[in-house]
C-alpha atoms as a PDB file:
ATOM      1  CA  MET A   1     -31.305 -10.082 -24.792  1.00  0.00           C
ATOM      2  CA  GLN A   2     -31.287  -9.880 -21.015  1.00  0.00           C
ATOM      3  CA  VAL A   3     -31.374 -12.384 -18.161  1.00  0.00           C
ATOM      4  CA  ILE A   4     -33.270 -11.328 -15.044  1.00  0.00           C
ATOM      5  CA  PHE A   5     -32.531 -12.485 -11.499  1.00  0.00           C
ATOM      6  CA  LEU A   6     -35.024 -12.088  -8.668  1.00  0.00           C
ATOM      7  CA  VAL A   7     -33.265 -12.680  -5.354  1.00  0.00           C
ATOM      8  CA  GLY A   8     -33.820 -12.141  -1.658  1.00  0.00           C
ATOM      9  CA  PRO A   9     -34.056 -13.953   1.656  1.00  0.00           C
ATOM     10  CA  THR A  10     -36.340 -16.887   2.244  1.00  0.00           C
ATOM     11  CA  ALA A  11     -40.023 -15.978   2.746  1.00  0.00           C
ATOM     12  CA  SER A  12     -39.686 -12.641   0.935  1.00  0.00           C
ATOM     13  CA  ARG A  13     -42.499 -13.578  -1.498  1.00  0.00           C
ATOM     14  CA  LYS A  14     -40.175 -14.303  -4.417  1.00  0.00           C
ATOM     15  CA  THR A  15     -42.298 -17.199  -5.697  1.00  0.00           C
ATOM     16  CA  LYS A  16     -45.541 -15.235  -5.756  1.00  0.00           C
ATOM     17  CA  LEU A  17     -44.000 -12.126  -7.300  1.00  0.00           C
ATOM     18  CA  SER A  18     -42.030 -14.120  -9.858  1.00  0.00           C
ATOM     19  CA  LEU A  19     -45.259 -15.304 -11.486  1.00  0.00           C
ATOM     20  CA  LYS A  20     -46.447 -11.736 -12.025  1.00  0.00           C
ATOM     21  CA  LEU A  21     -43.028 -10.696 -13.273  1.00  0.00           C
ATOM     22  CA  ALA A  22     -42.852 -13.682 -15.626  1.00  0.00           C
ATOM     23  CA  LYS A  23     -46.161 -12.757 -17.224  1.00  0.00           C
ATOM     24  CA  LYS A  24     -45.033  -9.180 -17.673  1.00  0.00           C
ATOM     25  CA  LEU A  25     -41.713 -10.212 -19.231  1.00  0.00           C
ATOM     26  CA  ASN A  26     -42.984 -13.181 -21.260  1.00  0.00           C
ATOM     27  CA  ALA A  27     -40.490 -15.187 -19.224  1.00  0.00           C
ATOM     28  CA  GLU A  28     -39.808 -18.737 -18.159  1.00  0.00           C
ATOM     29  CA  ILE A  29     -38.681 -19.234 -14.561  1.00  0.00           C
ATOM     30  CA  VAL A  30     -35.434 -20.965 -13.651  1.00  0.00           C
ATOM     31  CA  SER A  31     -35.245 -21.996 -10.000  1.00  0.00           C
ATOM     32  CA  CYS A  32     -32.108 -20.767  -8.272  1.00  0.00           C
ATOM     33  CA  ASP A  33     -32.571 -22.787  -5.115  1.00  0.00           C
ATOM     34  CA  SER A  34     -30.044 -25.420  -4.083  1.00  0.00           C
ATOM     35  CA  MET A  35     -32.732 -27.677  -2.590  1.00  0.00           C
ATOM     36  CA  CYS A  36     -35.598 -27.387  -5.087  1.00  0.00           C
ATOM     37  CA  VAL A  37     -33.649 -29.638  -7.434  1.00  0.00           C
ATOM     38  CA  TYR A  38     -34.547 -32.626  -5.224  1.00  0.00           C
ATOM     39  CA  LYS A  39     -37.626 -34.744  -5.801  1.00  0.00           C
ATOM     40  CA  GLY A  40     -39.914 -35.520  -2.875  1.00  0.00           C
ATOM     41  CA  MET A  41     -38.953 -32.445  -0.868  1.00  0.00           C
ATOM     42  CA  ASP A  42     -41.900 -30.267  -1.845  1.00  0.00           C
ATOM     43  CA  ILE A  43     -42.956 -28.939   1.565  1.00  0.00           C
ATOM     44  CA  LEU A  44     -39.421 -28.694   2.947  1.00  0.00           C
ATOM     45  CA  THR A  45     -38.308 -26.483   0.070  1.00  0.00           C
ATOM     46  CA  SER A  46     -41.580 -24.551  -0.381  1.00  0.00           C
ATOM     47  CA  LYS A  47     -41.744 -25.349  -4.087  1.00  0.00           C
ATOM     48  CA  PRO A  48     -44.217 -23.440  -6.246  1.00  0.00           C
ATOM     49  CA  PRO A  49     -47.668 -25.076  -6.403  1.00  0.00           C
ATOM     50  CA  ALA A  50     -48.172 -27.427  -9.358  1.00  0.00           C
ATOM     51  CA  GLY A  51     -50.883 -25.127 -10.721  1.00  0.00           C
ATOM     52  CA  ASP A  52     -48.486 -22.192 -10.878  1.00  0.00           C
ATOM     53  CA  MET A  53     -45.840 -24.272 -12.633  1.00  0.00           C
ATOM     54  CA  LYS A  54     -48.412 -25.128 -15.302  1.00  0.00           C
ATOM     55  CA  LYS A  55     -49.224 -21.465 -15.886  1.00  0.00           C
ATOM     56  CA  ILE A  56     -45.572 -20.443 -16.203  1.00  0.00           C
ATOM     57  CA  LYS A  57     -42.913 -22.895 -17.354  1.00  0.00           C
ATOM     58  CA  HIS A  58     -40.414 -23.647 -14.559  1.00  0.00           C
ATOM     59  CA  HIS A  59     -36.975 -25.225 -14.828  1.00  0.00           C
ATOM     60  CA  LEU A  60     -34.489 -27.020 -12.536  1.00  0.00           C
ATOM     61  CA  ILE A  61     -37.110 -28.184 -10.052  1.00  0.00           C
ATOM     62  CA  ASP A  62     -37.499 -31.904  -9.204  1.00  0.00           C
ATOM     63  CA  ILE A  63     -34.606 -32.983 -11.414  1.00  0.00           C
ATOM     64  CA  ILE A  64     -32.718 -35.461  -9.188  1.00  0.00           C
ATOM     65  CA  GLN A  65     -33.341 -37.931  -6.368  1.00  0.00           C
ATOM     66  CA  PRO A  66     -32.469 -36.787  -2.809  1.00  0.00           C
ATOM     67  CA  THR A  67     -30.066 -39.707  -2.547  1.00  0.00           C
ATOM     68  CA  ARG A  68     -27.738 -37.971  -5.019  1.00  0.00           C
ATOM     69  CA  GLU A  69     -25.131 -35.321  -4.338  1.00  0.00           C
ATOM     70  CA  PHE A  70     -25.509 -32.106  -6.307  1.00  0.00           C
ATOM     71  CA  SER A  71     -22.940 -29.374  -6.858  1.00  0.00           C
ATOM     72  CA  VAL A  72     -22.966 -25.742  -7.875  1.00  0.00           C
ATOM     73  CA  ALA A  73     -20.883 -26.704 -10.916  1.00  0.00           C
ATOM     74  CA  GLU A  74     -23.640 -29.066 -12.086  1.00  0.00           C
ATOM     75  CA  TYR A  75     -26.205 -26.364 -11.474  1.00  0.00           C
ATOM     76  CA  ARG A  76     -24.313 -23.768 -13.498  1.00  0.00           C
ATOM     77  CA  SER A  77     -23.935 -26.102 -16.454  1.00  0.00           C
ATOM     78  CA  MET A  78     -27.683 -26.862 -16.449  1.00  0.00           C
ATOM     79  CA  ALA A  79     -28.611 -23.218 -15.918  1.00  0.00           C
ATOM     80  CA  LEU A  80     -26.564 -22.016 -18.890  1.00  0.00           C
ATOM     81  CA  GLU A  81     -28.244 -24.627 -21.080  1.00  0.00           C
ATOM     82  CA  LYS A  82     -31.666 -23.427 -19.927  1.00  0.00           C
ATOM     83  CA  ILE A  83     -30.772 -19.822 -20.740  1.00  0.00           C
ATOM     84  CA  GLU A  84     -29.960 -20.795 -24.332  1.00  0.00           C
ATOM     85  CA  GLU A  85     -33.157 -22.866 -24.659  1.00  0.00           C
ATOM     86  CA  ILE A  86     -35.370 -20.100 -23.299  1.00  0.00           C
ATOM     87  CA  LEU A  87     -33.795 -17.408 -25.462  1.00  0.00           C
ATOM     88  CA  LYS A  88     -34.280 -19.584 -28.556  1.00  0.00           C
ATOM     89  CA  ARG A  89     -37.990 -19.564 -27.731  1.00  0.00           C
ATOM     90  CA  LYS A  90     -37.735 -15.754 -27.720  1.00  0.00           C
ATOM     91  CA  LYS A  91     -38.572 -15.597 -24.040  1.00  0.00           C
ATOM     92  CA  THR A  92     -36.788 -14.077 -21.050  1.00  0.00           C
ATOM     93  CA  PRO A  93     -34.909 -16.308 -18.583  1.00  0.00           C
ATOM     94  CA  LEU A  94     -36.050 -15.298 -15.081  1.00  0.00           C
ATOM     95  CA  PHE A  95     -33.936 -16.803 -12.291  1.00  0.00           C
ATOM     96  CA  VAL A  96     -35.695 -16.893  -8.932  1.00  0.00           C
ATOM     97  CA  GLY A  97     -34.212 -17.957  -5.612  1.00  0.00           C
ATOM     98  CA  GLY A  98     -32.213 -17.226  -2.511  1.00  0.00           C
ATOM     99  CA  SER A  99     -29.137 -19.404  -3.064  1.00  0.00           C
ATOM    100  CA  GLY A 100     -26.531 -16.683  -3.429  1.00  0.00           C
ATOM    101  CA  LEU A 101     -23.740 -19.016  -4.462  1.00  0.00           C
ATOM    102  CA  TYR A 102     -25.856 -20.352  -7.334  1.00  0.00           C
ATOM    103  CA  VAL A 103     -26.683 -16.833  -8.511  1.00  0.00           C
ATOM    104  CA  LYS A 104     -23.027 -15.872  -8.406  1.00  0.00           C
ATOM    105  CA  ALA A 105     -21.995 -19.039 -10.228  1.00  0.00           C
ATOM    106  CA  VAL A 106     -24.329 -18.301 -13.143  1.00  0.00           C
ATOM    107  CA  ILE A 107     -23.285 -14.660 -13.422  1.00  0.00           C
ATOM    108  CA  ASP A 108     -19.593 -14.669 -12.538  1.00  0.00           C
ATOM    109  CA  GLY A 109     -18.431 -18.226 -13.216  1.00  0.00           C
ATOM    110  CA  LEU A 110     -16.723 -20.701 -10.934  1.00  0.00           C
ATOM    111  CA  PHE A 111     -13.361 -21.006  -9.282  1.00  0.00           C
ATOM    112  CA  PRO A 112     -11.406 -24.171 -10.000  1.00  0.00           C
ATOM    113  CA  SER A 113     -12.436 -26.805  -7.499  1.00  0.00           C
ATOM    114  CA  ALA A 114      -9.498 -28.228  -5.581  1.00  0.00           C
ATOM    115  CA  LYS A 115      -9.665 -31.878  -4.614  1.00  0.00           C
ATOM    116  CA  LYS A 116     -11.480 -32.643  -1.397  1.00  0.00           C
ATOM    117  CA  ASN A 117      -9.324 -33.538   1.576  1.00  0.00           C
ATOM    118  CA  LEU A 118     -11.585 -34.926   4.286  1.00  0.00           C
ATOM    119  CA  ARG A 119      -8.711 -35.535   6.688  1.00  0.00           C
ATOM    120  CA  PHE A 120      -7.650 -31.898   6.398  1.00  0.00           C
ATOM    121  CA  ARG A 121     -11.239 -30.715   6.909  1.00  0.00           C
ATOM    122  CA  LYS A 122     -11.706 -32.826  10.046  1.00  0.00           C
ATOM    123  CA  LYS A 123      -8.471 -31.443  11.447  1.00  0.00           C
ATOM    124  CA  GLN A 124      -9.653 -27.869  10.846  1.00  0.00           C
ATOM    125  CA  VAL A 125     -13.015 -28.580  12.476  1.00  0.00           C
ATOM    126  CA  ALA A 126     -11.192 -29.987  15.506  1.00  0.00           C
ATOM    127  CA  LEU A 127      -9.057 -26.828  15.679  1.00  0.00           C
ATOM    128  CA  ALA A 128     -12.181 -24.667  15.477  1.00  0.00           C
ATOM    129  CA  ASP A 129     -13.829 -26.662  18.261  1.00  0.00           C
ATOM    130  CA  LYS A 130     -10.732 -26.280  20.423  1.00  0.00           C
ATOM    131  CA  TYR A 131      -9.736 -22.677  19.727  1.00  0.00           C
ATOM    132  CA  GLY A 132     -12.857 -21.122  18.173  1.00  0.00           C
ATOM    133  CA  LYS A 133     -13.839 -20.103  14.632  1.00  0.00           C
ATOM    134  CA  SER A 134     -11.763 -16.934  14.859  1.00  0.00           C
ATOM    135  CA  TYR A 135      -8.594 -19.046  15.067  1.00  0.00           C
ATOM    136  CA  LEU A 136      -9.121 -20.406  11.550  1.00  0.00           C
ATOM    137  CA  TYR A 137     -10.273 -17.059  10.211  1.00  0.00           C
ATOM    138  CA  LYS A 138      -7.081 -15.368  11.464  1.00  0.00           C
ATOM    139  CA  LYS A 139      -5.114 -18.195   9.874  1.00  0.00           C
ATOM    140  CA  LEU A 140      -6.822 -17.533   6.534  1.00  0.00           C
ATOM    141  CA  TRP A 141      -6.302 -13.780   6.914  1.00  0.00           C
ATOM    142  CA  LYS A 142      -2.532 -14.303   7.227  1.00  0.00           C
ATOM    143  CA  ILE A 143      -2.491 -16.569   4.188  1.00  0.00           C
ATOM    144  CA  ASP A 144      -4.902 -14.706   1.921  1.00  0.00           C
ATOM    145  CA  PRO A 145      -6.400 -11.430   3.229  1.00  0.00           C
ATOM    146  CA  ASP A 146      -8.139 -10.763  -0.115  1.00  0.00           C
ATOM    147  CA  ARG A 147     -10.097 -14.001   0.183  1.00  0.00           C
ATOM    148  CA  ALA A 148     -10.707 -13.525   3.901  1.00  0.00           C
ATOM    149  CA  LYS A 149     -12.351 -10.145   3.259  1.00  0.00           C
ATOM    150  CA  LYS A 150     -15.041 -11.889   1.210  1.00  0.00           C
ATOM    151  CA  ILE A 151     -15.919 -14.447   3.891  1.00  0.00           C
ATOM    152  CA  HIS A 152     -17.777 -13.808   7.136  1.00  0.00           C
ATOM    153  CA  PRO A 153     -15.613 -14.784  10.158  1.00  0.00           C
ATOM    154  CA  ASN A 154     -18.334 -17.143  11.378  1.00  0.00           C
ATOM    155  CA  ASP A 155     -18.784 -18.915   8.033  1.00  0.00           C
ATOM    156  CA  LEU A 156     -16.709 -21.915   9.089  1.00  0.00           C
ATOM    157  CA  ARG A 157     -17.482 -24.019   6.010  1.00  0.00           C
ATOM    158  CA  ARG A 158     -16.171 -21.415   3.553  1.00  0.00           C
ATOM    159  CA  VAL A 159     -13.165 -20.554   5.732  1.00  0.00           C
ATOM    160  CA  ILE A 160     -12.167 -24.226   5.849  1.00  0.00           C
ATOM    161  CA  ARG A 161     -12.734 -24.573   2.106  1.00  0.00           C
ATOM    162  CA  ALA A 162     -10.403 -21.624   1.439  1.00  0.00           C
ATOM    163  CA  LEU A 163      -7.753 -23.143   3.686  1.00  0.00           C
ATOM    164  CA  GLU A 164      -8.248 -26.493   1.953  1.00  0.00           C
ATOM    165  CA  ILE A 165      -7.678 -24.907  -1.475  1.00  0.00           C
ATOM    166  CA  TYR A 166      -4.454 -23.342  -0.215  1.00  0.00           C
ATOM    167  CA  HIS A 167      -3.379 -26.636   1.328  1.00  0.00           C
ATOM    168  CA  THR A 168      -4.173 -28.645  -1.822  1.00  0.00           C
ATOM    169  CA  GLU A 169      -3.259 -26.248  -4.627  1.00  0.00           C
ATOM    170  CA  LYS A 170      -0.328 -24.542  -2.852  1.00  0.00           C
ATOM    171  CA  LYS A 171      -1.775 -21.247  -4.072  1.00  0.00           C
ATOM    172  CA  ARG A 172      -3.843 -18.579  -2.382  1.00  0.00           C
ATOM    173  CA  PRO A 173      -7.545 -18.929  -3.350  1.00  0.00           C
ATOM    174  CA  SER A 174      -7.608 -15.295  -4.534  1.00  0.00           C
ATOM    175  CA  GLU A 175      -4.845 -16.086  -7.045  1.00  0.00           C
ATOM    176  CA  LEU A 176      -6.804 -18.828  -8.772  1.00  0.00           C
ATOM    177  CA  LYS A 177      -8.416 -17.714 -11.982  1.00  0.00           C
ATOM    178  CA  ILE A 178     -12.041 -18.405 -12.806  1.00  0.00           C
ATOM    179  CA  ASP A 179     -12.165 -21.484 -14.981  1.00  0.00           C
ATOM    180  CA  THR A 180     -15.456 -20.558 -16.644  1.00  0.00           C
ATOM    181  CA  ARG A 181     -16.355 -17.342 -18.317  1.00  0.00           C
ATOM    182  CA  PRO A 182     -18.903 -14.948 -16.837  1.00  0.00           C
ATOM    183  CA  LEU A 183     -22.435 -14.824 -18.214  1.00  0.00           C
ATOM    184  CA  LYS A 184     -22.230 -13.556 -21.790  1.00  0.00           C
ATOM    185  CA  TYR A 185     -25.640 -11.867 -21.741  1.00  0.00           C
ATOM    186  CA  ASP A 186     -26.706  -8.609 -20.154  1.00  0.00           C
ATOM    187  CA  PHE A 187     -28.397  -9.183 -16.839  1.00  0.00           C
ATOM    188  CA  LYS A 188     -30.286  -7.371 -14.132  1.00  0.00           C
ATOM    189  CA  ILE A 189     -30.559  -8.428 -10.489  1.00  0.00           C
ATOM    190  CA  LEU A 190     -33.628  -7.403  -8.517  1.00  0.00           C
ATOM    191  CA  GLY A 191     -33.543  -7.905  -4.760  1.00  0.00           C
ATOM    192  CA  LEU A 192     -36.647  -7.945  -2.577  1.00  0.00           C
ATOM    193  CA  LYS A 193     -36.306  -5.617   0.381  1.00  0.00           C
ATOM    194  CA  LEU A 194     -38.604  -6.221   3.344  1.00  0.00           C
ATOM    195  CA  ASP A 195     -38.883  -4.724   6.790  1.00  0.00           C
ATOM    196  CA  ARG A 196     -37.413  -7.186   9.273  1.00  0.00           C
ATOM    197  CA  ASN A 197     -40.656  -7.533  11.242  1.00  0.00           C
ATOM    198  CA  GLU A 198     -42.578  -8.260   8.047  1.00  0.00           C
ATOM    199  CA  LEU A 199     -39.975 -10.810   6.964  1.00  0.00           C
ATOM    200  CA  TYR A 200     -40.063 -12.582  10.323  1.00  0.00           C
ATOM    201  CA  LYS A 201     -43.866 -12.682  10.248  1.00  0.00           C
ATOM    202  CA  ASN A 202     -43.704 -14.232   6.782  1.00  0.00           C
ATOM    203  CA  ILE A 203     -41.287 -16.837   8.117  1.00  0.00           C
ATOM    204  CA  ASP A 204     -43.535 -17.702  11.071  1.00  0.00           C
ATOM    205  CA  ASP A 205     -46.557 -17.985   8.778  1.00  0.00           C
ATOM    206  CA  ARG A 206     -44.666 -20.142   6.302  1.00  0.00           C
ATOM    207  CA  VAL A 207     -43.470 -22.573   8.978  1.00  0.00           C
ATOM    208  CA  ASP A 208     -46.985 -22.871  10.405  1.00  0.00           C
ATOM    209  CA  GLN A 209     -48.258 -23.685   6.906  1.00  0.00           C
ATOM    210  CA  MET A 210     -45.499 -26.255   6.368  1.00  0.00           C
ATOM    211  CA  PHE A 211     -46.660 -28.197   9.408  1.00  0.00           C
ATOM    212  CA  LYS A 212     -50.301 -27.963   8.311  1.00  0.00           C
ATOM    213  CA  LYS A 213     -49.376 -29.265   4.840  1.00  0.00           C
ATOM    214  CA  GLY A 214     -47.632 -32.310   6.275  1.00  0.00           C
ATOM    215  CA  ILE A 215     -43.931 -31.633   6.659  1.00  0.00           C
ATOM    216  CA  VAL A 216     -43.709 -34.292   9.386  1.00  0.00           C
ATOM    217  CA  LYS A 217     -45.038 -36.952   7.027  1.00  0.00           C
ATOM    218  CA  GLU A 218     -42.671 -35.822   4.278  1.00  0.00           C
ATOM    219  CA  VAL A 219     -39.609 -35.941   6.542  1.00  0.00           C
ATOM    220  CA  LYS A 220     -40.629 -39.330   7.903  1.00  0.00           C
ATOM    221  CA  LYS A 221     -40.777 -40.685   4.350  1.00  0.00           C
ATOM    222  CA  LEU A 222     -37.418 -39.110   3.431  1.00  0.00           C
ATOM    223  CA  SER A 223     -35.752 -40.429   6.583  1.00  0.00           C
ATOM    224  CA  LYS A 224     -36.231 -43.979   5.298  1.00  0.00           C
ATOM    225  CA  LYS A 225     -33.950 -43.202   2.347  1.00  0.00           C
ATOM    226  CA  LYS A 226     -30.185 -42.852   2.318  1.00  0.00           C
ATOM    227  CA  LEU A 227     -30.136 -39.120   1.686  1.00  0.00           C
ATOM    228  CA  SER A 228     -27.090 -37.414   0.230  1.00  0.00           C
ATOM    229  CA  ILE A 229     -25.011 -35.037   2.332  1.00  0.00           C
ATOM    230  CA  THR A 230     -26.352 -32.057   0.405  1.00  0.00           C
ATOM    231  CA  SER A 231     -30.048 -32.989   0.541  1.00  0.00           C
ATOM    232  CA  ARG A 232     -29.851 -33.641   4.298  1.00  0.00           C
ATOM    233  CA  LYS A 233     -28.970 -29.964   4.708  1.00  0.00           C
ATOM    234  CA  ALA A 234     -32.474 -28.904   3.644  1.00  0.00           C
ATOM    235  CA  LEU A 235     -33.808 -26.559   6.298  1.00  0.00           C
ATOM    236  CA  GLY A 236     -36.529 -28.312   8.242  1.00  0.00           C
ATOM    237  CA  TYR A 237     -35.280 -31.850   7.754  1.00  0.00           C
ATOM    238  CA  GLY A 238     -33.078 -31.940  10.843  1.00  0.00           C
ATOM    239  CA  GLU A 239     -35.555 -30.014  12.977  1.00  0.00           C
ATOM    240  CA  VAL A 240     -38.457 -32.354  12.195  1.00  0.00           C
ATOM    241  CA  LEU A 241     -36.248 -35.438  12.399  1.00  0.00           C
ATOM    242  CA  GLY A 242     -35.352 -34.407  15.936  1.00  0.00           C
ATOM    243  CA  TYR A 243     -39.051 -34.466  16.800  1.00  0.00           C
ATOM    244  CA  LEU A 244     -39.527 -37.866  15.145  1.00  0.00           C
ATOM    245  CA  LYS A 245     -36.638 -39.233  17.216  1.00  0.00           C
ATOM    246  CA  GLY A 246     -38.240 -37.933  20.415  1.00  0.00           C
ATOM    247  CA  LYS A 247     -35.640 -35.274  21.170  1.00  0.00           C
ATOM    248  CA  TYR A 248     -38.273 -32.580  21.641  1.00  0.00           C
ATOM    249  CA  SER A 249     -41.974 -31.864  21.178  1.00  0.00           C
ATOM    250  CA  LEU A 250     -43.728 -30.945  17.930  1.00  0.00           C
ATOM    251  CA  GLU A 251     -44.159 -27.358  19.114  1.00  0.00           C
ATOM    252  CA  GLU A 252     -40.468 -27.149  19.968  1.00  0.00           C
ATOM    253  CA  ALA A 253     -39.599 -28.463  16.497  1.00  0.00           C
ATOM    254  CA  LYS A 254     -41.782 -25.776  14.979  1.00  0.00           C
ATOM    255  CA  GLU A 255     -40.185 -23.000  17.014  1.00  0.00           C
ATOM    256  CA  LEU A 256     -36.706 -24.339  16.238  1.00  0.00           C
ATOM    257  CA  LEU A 257     -37.461 -24.263  12.520  1.00  0.00           C
ATOM    258  CA  LYS A 258     -38.715 -20.692  12.783  1.00  0.00           C
ATOM    259  CA  LYS A 259     -35.542 -19.655  14.574  1.00  0.00           C
ATOM    260  CA  ASN A 260     -33.258 -21.416  12.109  1.00  0.00           C
ATOM    261  CA  THR A 261     -35.174 -19.969   9.157  1.00  0.00           C
ATOM    262  CA  ARG A 262     -34.598 -16.478  10.544  1.00  0.00           C
ATOM    263  CA  HIS A 263     -30.895 -17.310  10.798  1.00  0.00           C
ATOM    264  CA  LEU A 264     -30.931 -18.455   7.170  1.00  0.00           C
ATOM    265  CA  ALA A 265     -32.580 -15.209   6.093  1.00  0.00           C
ATOM    266  CA  LYS A 266     -29.851 -13.238   7.873  1.00  0.00           C
ATOM    267  CA  LYS A 267     -27.137 -15.294   6.162  1.00  0.00           C
ATOM    268  CA  GLN A 268     -28.744 -14.779   2.762  1.00  0.00           C
ATOM    269  CA  LEU A 269     -28.918 -11.020   3.281  1.00  0.00           C
ATOM    270  CA  THR A 270     -25.299 -10.981   4.456  1.00  0.00           C
ATOM    271  CA  TRP A 271     -24.358 -12.690   1.198  1.00  0.00           C
ATOM    272  CA  PHE A 272     -26.390 -10.426  -1.092  1.00  0.00           C
ATOM    273  CA  ARG A 273     -25.846  -7.009   0.494  1.00  0.00           C
ATOM    274  CA  PRO A 274     -22.227  -6.441  -0.652  1.00  0.00           C
ATOM    275  CA  ASP A 275     -23.220  -6.982  -4.302  1.00  0.00           C
ATOM    276  CA  ARG A 276     -23.752  -3.478  -5.674  1.00  0.00           C
ATOM    277  CA  ARG A 277     -25.287  -4.858  -8.852  1.00  0.00           C
ATOM    278  CA  ILE A 278     -28.483  -5.721  -6.978  1.00  0.00           C
ATOM    279  CA  HIS A 279     -31.346  -3.220  -7.267  1.00  0.00           C
ATOM    280  CA  TRP A 280     -33.196  -3.488  -3.960  1.00  0.00           C
ATOM    281  CA  VAL A 281     -36.932  -2.803  -4.101  1.00  0.00           C
ATOM    282  CA  PRO A 282     -39.912  -3.394  -1.786  1.00  0.00           C
ATOM    283  CA  PRO A 283     -42.179  -6.181  -3.071  1.00  0.00           C
ATOM    284  CA  SER A 284     -44.986  -3.642  -3.599  1.00  0.00           C
ATOM    285  CA  LYS A 285     -42.817  -1.600  -5.967  1.00  0.00           C
ATOM    286  CA  LEU A 286     -41.251  -4.380  -8.012  1.00  0.00           C
ATOM    287  CA  THR A 287     -40.818  -3.035 -11.521  1.00  0.00           C
ATOM    288  CA  LEU A 288     -38.244  -3.062 -14.298  1.00  0.00           C
END
C-alpha cells in the first residue's frame, strides 16, 4: 500500500494532471490545499470543476464555513482518516496541492503546539517593524540555530512562532519531539517542475480567468460575512477587496493579484526544494 503526493507551486497544472494520474492509479484525490476546505471560495481557491469531482472522488474540499478557523492539526487528523477509508476501498490515496506545511504534517507528523501569546507576537512584530526582520532572525539563530536553518530569514510568521514556542515552553523548538507519529504507509512525492516563464504565463492566464468567472462577485459576497483569520488569507481576497473599497482600479487589482501569486509560487518552491524525497518531473513526463 502506498500513498501518493502530487505537489508543486500554484498554477503548475496539478489539478488537471491529478485527474489523469487518479485514473491510472485507481485513486481518490485528497485536497492538500489550506484554502480549499472553505465553502463559498470556489474561484478564489481555483477548486476543481464540479464535473471533475464527479468523475473522480475528491476529499477535504468544501468542508467548513469561511467564518471558522482551521488548523493544520485538524487537517492532519482528517487526512489520516481519509487515507484509511480510501485504502479500505482498495484504492490509492492521491494527495494534491501546494500547501507544503499540510503535506509535511501528513507525512512527518506535527510538533507540539505551544499556547498562543498574542501580546508576545505583537511585541515581536513591533521589533521587526523597528529593526527589520533580520533582527528577529538573528535572535532565533542565537537561541536555536537548528530551527533557524529550516526557516527563511524573511518568513516573519514562522520566525515569530519559533520564538513564541521558546518563550512559552522554555525549550528550543528543535528540542521538542513530534507528538504524532509519521505516516505509517509507504509514500511517494511527485513534484511538478515548470520553466519559470511557463509558470508565470499560467499564473497570468489563471488570474485573467478568475476575473472572467466572477471573482469580484464572490469576494463581495464573502466580505459581508465575518471571515476567520485563516480564510481571510486566501490569495485574491485582499486584492479584490481593495478594489471594492476604491483603493485602486480593477486592472490594478488584477495586476496586484498576478504579482502576489508569483510571490506565492516562489514561496512554495522555496518550501519544497530542500525536501530530497520529492521526485521533480515536468508535467509532460509525469509517470510513476
